[in-house]
N, C-alpha and C. Protein backbone atom coordinates (compact mmCIF):
# COMPACT_ATOMS: atom_id res chain seq x y z
N MET A 1 95.50 45.06 75.33
CA MET A 1 96.35 44.34 74.58
C MET A 1 97.76 44.98 74.42
N ALA A 2 98.76 44.18 74.66
CA ALA A 2 100.13 44.86 74.72
C ALA A 2 100.72 44.97 73.22
N ASN A 3 101.34 46.12 72.98
CA ASN A 3 101.88 46.27 71.75
C ASN A 3 103.30 45.72 71.75
N THR A 4 103.45 44.66 71.14
CA THR A 4 104.83 44.10 71.10
C THR A 4 105.66 44.54 70.00
N GLY A 5 105.04 44.90 68.78
CA GLY A 5 105.92 45.32 67.73
C GLY A 5 106.18 46.87 67.89
N THR A 6 107.38 47.31 67.46
CA THR A 6 107.57 48.83 67.50
C THR A 6 106.99 49.47 66.37
N LYS A 7 106.48 50.59 66.55
CA LYS A 7 105.88 51.42 65.49
C LYS A 7 107.12 52.05 64.71
N ASP A 8 107.17 52.06 63.42
CA ASP A 8 108.11 52.63 62.56
C ASP A 8 107.54 53.89 62.00
N ILE A 9 108.55 54.90 61.73
CA ILE A 9 108.20 56.01 61.06
C ILE A 9 109.04 56.02 59.74
N SER A 10 108.49 56.62 58.64
CA SER A 10 109.38 56.62 57.43
C SER A 10 110.11 57.92 57.33
N TYR A 11 110.97 57.92 56.37
CA TYR A 11 111.88 59.09 56.03
C TYR A 11 111.02 60.28 55.80
N GLU A 12 109.96 60.02 54.85
CA GLU A 12 109.04 61.19 54.54
C GLU A 12 108.26 61.63 55.69
N GLU A 13 107.88 60.65 56.62
CA GLU A 13 107.03 61.12 57.73
C GLU A 13 107.89 62.02 58.73
N LEU A 14 109.19 61.49 58.88
CA LEU A 14 109.99 62.31 59.77
C LEU A 14 110.42 63.54 59.19
N LYS A 15 110.76 63.63 57.86
CA LYS A 15 111.10 64.87 57.05
C LYS A 15 109.99 65.90 57.35
N ALA A 16 108.87 65.44 57.37
CA ALA A 16 107.77 66.45 57.44
C ALA A 16 107.69 67.05 58.92
N LEU A 17 108.33 66.40 59.86
CA LEU A 17 108.26 66.86 61.27
C LEU A 17 109.46 67.61 61.55
N VAL A 18 110.57 67.31 61.21
CA VAL A 18 111.87 67.94 61.48
C VAL A 18 111.83 69.36 61.11
N GLY A 19 112.09 70.25 62.12
CA GLY A 19 112.20 71.71 61.91
C GLY A 19 110.84 72.29 61.77
N LYS A 20 109.73 71.53 61.75
CA LYS A 20 108.30 72.07 61.59
C LYS A 20 107.41 71.78 62.76
N SER A 21 107.57 70.68 63.38
CA SER A 21 106.68 70.29 64.51
C SER A 21 107.17 70.71 65.81
N PRO A 22 106.44 71.47 66.58
CA PRO A 22 107.06 71.74 67.94
C PRO A 22 106.87 70.61 68.96
N ASN A 23 106.15 69.58 68.44
CA ASN A 23 106.09 68.48 69.33
C ASN A 23 107.08 67.33 69.17
N LEU A 24 107.86 67.51 68.05
CA LEU A 24 108.79 66.38 67.79
C LEU A 24 109.91 66.33 68.85
N ILE A 25 110.10 65.12 69.35
CA ILE A 25 111.23 64.81 70.25
C ILE A 25 111.95 63.61 69.51
N LEU A 26 113.15 63.97 69.02
CA LEU A 26 113.88 63.07 68.22
C LEU A 26 115.09 62.69 69.03
N ILE A 27 115.26 61.36 69.45
CA ILE A 27 116.30 60.93 70.13
C ILE A 27 117.18 60.03 69.34
N ASP A 28 118.52 60.41 69.37
CA ASP A 28 119.53 59.71 68.62
C ASP A 28 120.20 58.80 69.65
N VAL A 29 120.09 57.53 69.49
CA VAL A 29 120.62 56.56 70.53
C VAL A 29 122.04 56.11 70.19
N ARG A 30 122.71 56.66 69.17
CA ARG A 30 124.07 56.31 68.72
C ARG A 30 125.03 56.76 69.80
N SER A 31 126.31 56.40 69.64
CA SER A 31 127.40 56.85 70.62
C SER A 31 127.60 58.30 70.19
N GLU A 32 128.35 58.95 71.06
CA GLU A 32 128.83 60.37 70.91
C GLU A 32 129.78 60.45 69.74
N GLU A 33 130.56 59.36 69.47
CA GLU A 33 131.50 59.39 68.41
C GLU A 33 130.81 59.35 67.02
N GLU A 34 129.71 58.61 67.05
CA GLU A 34 128.90 58.52 65.76
C GLU A 34 128.28 59.83 65.52
N VAL A 35 127.60 60.39 66.64
CA VAL A 35 126.93 61.63 66.47
C VAL A 35 127.82 62.83 65.99
N ALA A 36 129.13 62.76 66.43
CA ALA A 36 130.00 63.72 65.97
C ALA A 36 130.25 63.78 64.53
N LYS A 37 130.06 62.68 63.86
CA LYS A 37 130.27 62.70 62.40
C LYS A 37 129.06 63.14 61.64
N GLY A 38 127.84 63.32 62.31
CA GLY A 38 126.72 64.09 61.67
C GLY A 38 125.51 63.49 62.35
N HIS A 39 124.48 64.34 62.34
CA HIS A 39 123.17 64.00 62.96
C HIS A 39 121.94 64.75 62.35
N ILE A 40 120.81 64.26 62.68
CA ILE A 40 119.65 64.83 62.09
C ILE A 40 119.34 66.09 62.91
N PRO A 41 119.11 67.24 62.32
CA PRO A 41 118.82 68.47 63.02
C PRO A 41 117.82 68.37 64.09
N GLY A 42 118.16 68.94 65.25
CA GLY A 42 117.21 68.97 66.37
C GLY A 42 117.16 67.70 67.18
N SER A 43 118.03 66.76 66.84
CA SER A 43 118.06 65.42 67.61
C SER A 43 118.74 65.61 68.90
N ILE A 44 118.28 64.80 69.91
CA ILE A 44 118.99 64.84 71.18
C ILE A 44 119.76 63.49 71.33
N ASN A 45 121.04 63.58 71.69
CA ASN A 45 121.76 62.31 71.78
C ASN A 45 121.61 61.72 73.21
N ILE A 46 120.96 60.58 73.27
CA ILE A 46 120.94 59.81 74.39
C ILE A 46 121.34 58.41 74.03
N PRO A 47 122.68 57.94 74.32
CA PRO A 47 123.11 56.69 73.88
C PRO A 47 122.33 55.59 74.43
N LEU A 48 121.97 54.52 73.61
CA LEU A 48 121.18 53.39 73.90
C LEU A 48 121.37 52.96 75.32
N ASN A 49 122.51 52.70 75.77
CA ASN A 49 122.76 52.18 77.20
C ASN A 49 122.33 52.97 78.20
N THR A 50 121.96 54.26 78.04
CA THR A 50 121.56 55.30 78.96
C THR A 50 120.12 55.62 78.74
N VAL A 51 119.40 55.12 77.81
CA VAL A 51 118.03 55.50 77.48
C VAL A 51 117.03 55.18 78.52
N GLU A 52 117.07 54.02 79.11
CA GLU A 52 116.17 53.56 80.24
C GLU A 52 116.28 54.52 81.38
N GLY A 53 117.60 54.87 81.75
CA GLY A 53 117.91 55.68 82.94
C GLY A 53 117.35 56.99 82.65
N ALA A 54 117.52 57.57 81.43
CA ALA A 54 117.16 58.87 81.05
C ALA A 54 115.48 59.04 81.03
N LEU A 55 114.92 57.99 80.66
CA LEU A 55 113.43 58.07 80.69
C LEU A 55 112.85 57.92 81.95
N LYS A 56 113.75 57.39 82.83
CA LYS A 56 113.24 57.26 84.31
C LYS A 56 113.63 58.45 85.20
N MET A 57 114.34 59.41 84.63
CA MET A 57 114.72 60.59 85.39
C MET A 57 113.53 61.49 85.73
N ASN A 58 113.63 62.27 86.79
CA ASN A 58 112.59 63.16 86.97
C ASN A 58 112.75 64.39 85.90
N PRO A 59 111.72 65.02 85.57
CA PRO A 59 111.81 66.09 84.55
C PRO A 59 112.87 67.08 84.72
N GLU A 60 113.14 67.53 85.97
CA GLU A 60 114.11 68.67 86.19
C GLU A 60 115.53 68.02 85.91
N GLU A 61 115.78 66.89 86.36
CA GLU A 61 117.09 66.22 86.07
C GLU A 61 117.27 65.99 84.56
N PHE A 62 116.18 65.66 83.81
CA PHE A 62 116.20 65.37 82.45
C PHE A 62 116.58 66.67 81.68
N LYS A 63 115.96 67.79 82.12
CA LYS A 63 116.15 69.00 81.46
C LYS A 63 117.58 69.56 81.76
N VAL A 64 118.12 69.30 82.83
CA VAL A 64 119.56 69.73 83.21
C VAL A 64 120.56 68.94 82.36
N ARG A 65 120.29 67.63 82.19
CA ARG A 65 121.21 66.80 81.55
C ARG A 65 121.12 66.91 80.06
N TYR A 66 119.87 67.13 79.42
CA TYR A 66 119.78 67.07 78.01
C TYR A 66 119.42 68.37 77.39
N GLY A 67 119.01 69.34 78.27
CA GLY A 67 118.72 70.65 77.78
C GLY A 67 117.35 70.80 77.02
N VAL A 68 116.50 69.73 77.23
CA VAL A 68 115.15 69.90 76.72
C VAL A 68 114.17 69.28 77.74
N THR A 69 112.88 69.56 77.42
CA THR A 69 111.88 69.08 78.43
C THR A 69 111.75 67.58 78.30
N LYS A 70 111.75 66.87 79.38
CA LYS A 70 111.48 65.43 79.23
C LYS A 70 110.06 65.18 78.57
N PRO A 71 110.05 64.14 77.64
CA PRO A 71 108.88 63.87 77.04
C PRO A 71 107.78 63.24 77.98
N VAL A 72 106.54 63.61 77.81
CA VAL A 72 105.57 63.02 78.65
C VAL A 72 105.11 61.71 78.05
N LEU A 73 104.52 60.80 78.91
CA LEU A 73 104.27 59.40 78.51
C LEU A 73 103.44 59.43 77.24
N ASP A 74 102.55 60.26 77.05
CA ASP A 74 101.69 60.19 75.76
C ASP A 74 102.14 61.25 74.72
N ALA A 75 103.45 61.59 74.78
CA ALA A 75 104.00 62.56 73.85
C ALA A 75 103.71 61.96 72.46
N PRO A 76 103.11 62.96 71.57
CA PRO A 76 102.57 62.41 70.33
C PRO A 76 103.70 62.09 69.29
N GLU A 77 104.85 62.75 69.41
CA GLU A 77 105.95 62.56 68.35
C GLU A 77 107.30 62.33 68.92
N LEU A 78 107.32 61.03 69.63
CA LEU A 78 108.58 60.64 70.32
C LEU A 78 109.24 59.65 69.28
N VAL A 79 110.36 60.08 68.70
CA VAL A 79 111.00 59.23 67.70
C VAL A 79 112.51 58.85 68.17
N PHE A 80 112.75 57.66 67.98
CA PHE A 80 114.20 57.14 68.27
C PHE A 80 114.79 56.75 66.97
N HIS A 81 116.14 56.95 66.95
CA HIS A 81 116.78 56.43 65.75
C HIS A 81 118.34 56.21 66.13
N CYS A 82 119.03 55.33 65.26
CA CYS A 82 120.39 55.09 65.41
C CYS A 82 120.97 55.19 63.99
N GLN A 83 121.91 54.32 63.88
CA GLN A 83 122.78 54.39 62.46
C GLN A 83 121.95 53.56 61.43
N ILE A 84 121.56 52.34 61.78
CA ILE A 84 120.89 51.48 60.74
C ILE A 84 119.51 50.89 61.21
N GLY A 85 119.13 51.24 62.36
CA GLY A 85 117.67 50.94 62.78
C GLY A 85 117.50 49.97 63.92
N LYS A 86 118.57 49.18 64.16
CA LYS A 86 118.40 48.19 65.24
C LYS A 86 118.49 48.68 66.70
N ARG A 87 119.31 49.54 66.90
CA ARG A 87 119.27 50.16 68.35
C ARG A 87 118.14 51.14 68.51
N GLY A 88 117.67 51.80 67.52
CA GLY A 88 116.55 52.52 67.56
C GLY A 88 115.26 51.73 68.03
N ALA A 89 115.13 50.52 67.31
CA ALA A 89 114.11 49.66 67.65
C ALA A 89 114.15 49.26 69.13
N MET A 90 115.32 48.92 69.66
CA MET A 90 115.56 48.49 70.94
C MET A 90 115.11 49.58 71.86
N ALA A 91 115.48 50.85 71.61
CA ALA A 91 115.19 51.98 72.48
C ALA A 91 113.61 52.17 72.49
N THR A 92 113.07 52.07 71.33
CA THR A 92 111.66 52.27 71.17
C THR A 92 110.81 51.19 72.00
N THR A 93 111.33 49.91 72.00
CA THR A 93 110.70 48.84 72.77
C THR A 93 110.89 49.17 74.28
N LYS A 94 112.03 49.68 74.66
CA LYS A 94 112.24 50.00 76.07
C LYS A 94 111.32 51.16 76.43
N ALA A 95 111.18 52.15 75.58
CA ALA A 95 110.22 53.29 75.93
C ALA A 95 108.79 52.84 76.05
N HIS A 96 108.29 51.90 75.18
CA HIS A 96 106.99 51.37 75.26
C HIS A 96 106.81 50.57 76.65
N GLN A 97 107.88 49.89 77.04
CA GLN A 97 107.81 49.16 78.31
C GLN A 97 107.62 50.12 79.48
N LEU A 98 108.17 51.37 79.29
CA LEU A 98 108.16 52.42 80.40
C LEU A 98 106.95 53.15 80.19
N GLY A 99 106.02 52.86 79.28
CA GLY A 99 104.71 53.62 79.19
C GLY A 99 104.68 54.67 78.16
N TYR A 100 105.71 54.77 77.33
CA TYR A 100 105.60 55.82 76.23
C TYR A 100 104.83 55.20 75.08
N VAL A 101 103.53 55.51 75.15
CA VAL A 101 102.62 54.71 74.23
C VAL A 101 102.82 55.07 72.78
N ASN A 102 103.31 56.35 72.46
CA ASN A 102 103.32 56.61 70.97
C ASN A 102 104.83 56.63 70.51
N ALA A 103 105.70 56.15 71.25
CA ALA A 103 107.12 56.05 70.82
C ALA A 103 107.23 55.26 69.54
N CYS A 104 108.12 55.72 68.58
CA CYS A 104 108.24 55.07 67.37
C CYS A 104 109.78 55.07 67.00
N ASN A 105 110.16 54.21 65.96
CA ASN A 105 111.54 54.10 65.54
C ASN A 105 111.66 54.60 64.12
N TYR A 106 112.65 55.48 63.86
CA TYR A 106 112.88 55.75 62.46
C TYR A 106 113.80 54.66 61.87
N ALA A 107 113.11 53.70 61.33
CA ALA A 107 113.76 52.40 60.82
C ALA A 107 114.84 52.68 59.78
N GLY A 108 114.63 53.72 58.98
CA GLY A 108 115.76 53.94 57.87
C GLY A 108 117.00 54.57 58.68
N ALA A 109 116.77 55.14 59.79
CA ALA A 109 117.87 55.53 60.62
C ALA A 109 118.89 56.61 59.92
N TYR A 110 119.95 56.88 60.66
CA TYR A 110 120.84 57.99 60.01
C TYR A 110 121.46 57.57 58.79
N SER A 111 121.60 56.34 58.49
CA SER A 111 122.22 55.92 57.21
C SER A 111 121.34 56.38 56.05
N GLU A 112 120.01 56.19 56.15
CA GLU A 112 119.17 56.53 55.11
C GLU A 112 119.00 58.01 55.13
N TRP A 113 118.83 58.75 56.15
CA TRP A 113 118.72 60.27 56.42
C TRP A 113 119.91 60.98 55.62
N SER A 114 121.14 60.48 55.95
CA SER A 114 122.31 61.05 55.29
C SER A 114 122.48 60.94 53.80
N LYS A 115 121.99 59.71 53.41
CA LYS A 115 121.86 59.40 51.94
C LYS A 115 120.93 60.44 51.12
N LYS A 116 119.61 60.42 51.72
CA LYS A 116 118.65 61.25 51.21
C LYS A 116 118.87 62.76 51.39
N GLU A 117 119.61 63.12 52.32
CA GLU A 117 119.95 64.58 52.46
C GLU A 117 121.24 65.00 51.78
N GLY A 118 121.85 63.97 51.24
CA GLY A 118 123.12 64.30 50.56
C GLY A 118 124.22 64.70 51.41
N LYS A 119 124.31 64.19 52.68
CA LYS A 119 125.43 64.62 53.53
C LYS A 119 126.48 63.57 53.60
């Protein structure tokens, strides 16, 4: 059965992982300009229009380009986010289509994170 809906993660769930889970792969799909104004600690910037290409790279290429190990298809904590949730959902859907079974979207996105973190 195909999973058509994207799986969402809440602020509380993400907060419990950031800085604590060695498995967390947090991908910020906003533009570089947006990321320059603030980001969630430990996130990797892969703009939405490059997500598909990035996830199709071989692991060596990915590591060189982004400085981190490429997530495996069944990575347990693969989270995408953007500014308000829409692009994150699109990236999550794309990841699912490429076989990333546990990919999820932080629907609250950076706007919620920055509010709750008082940034």
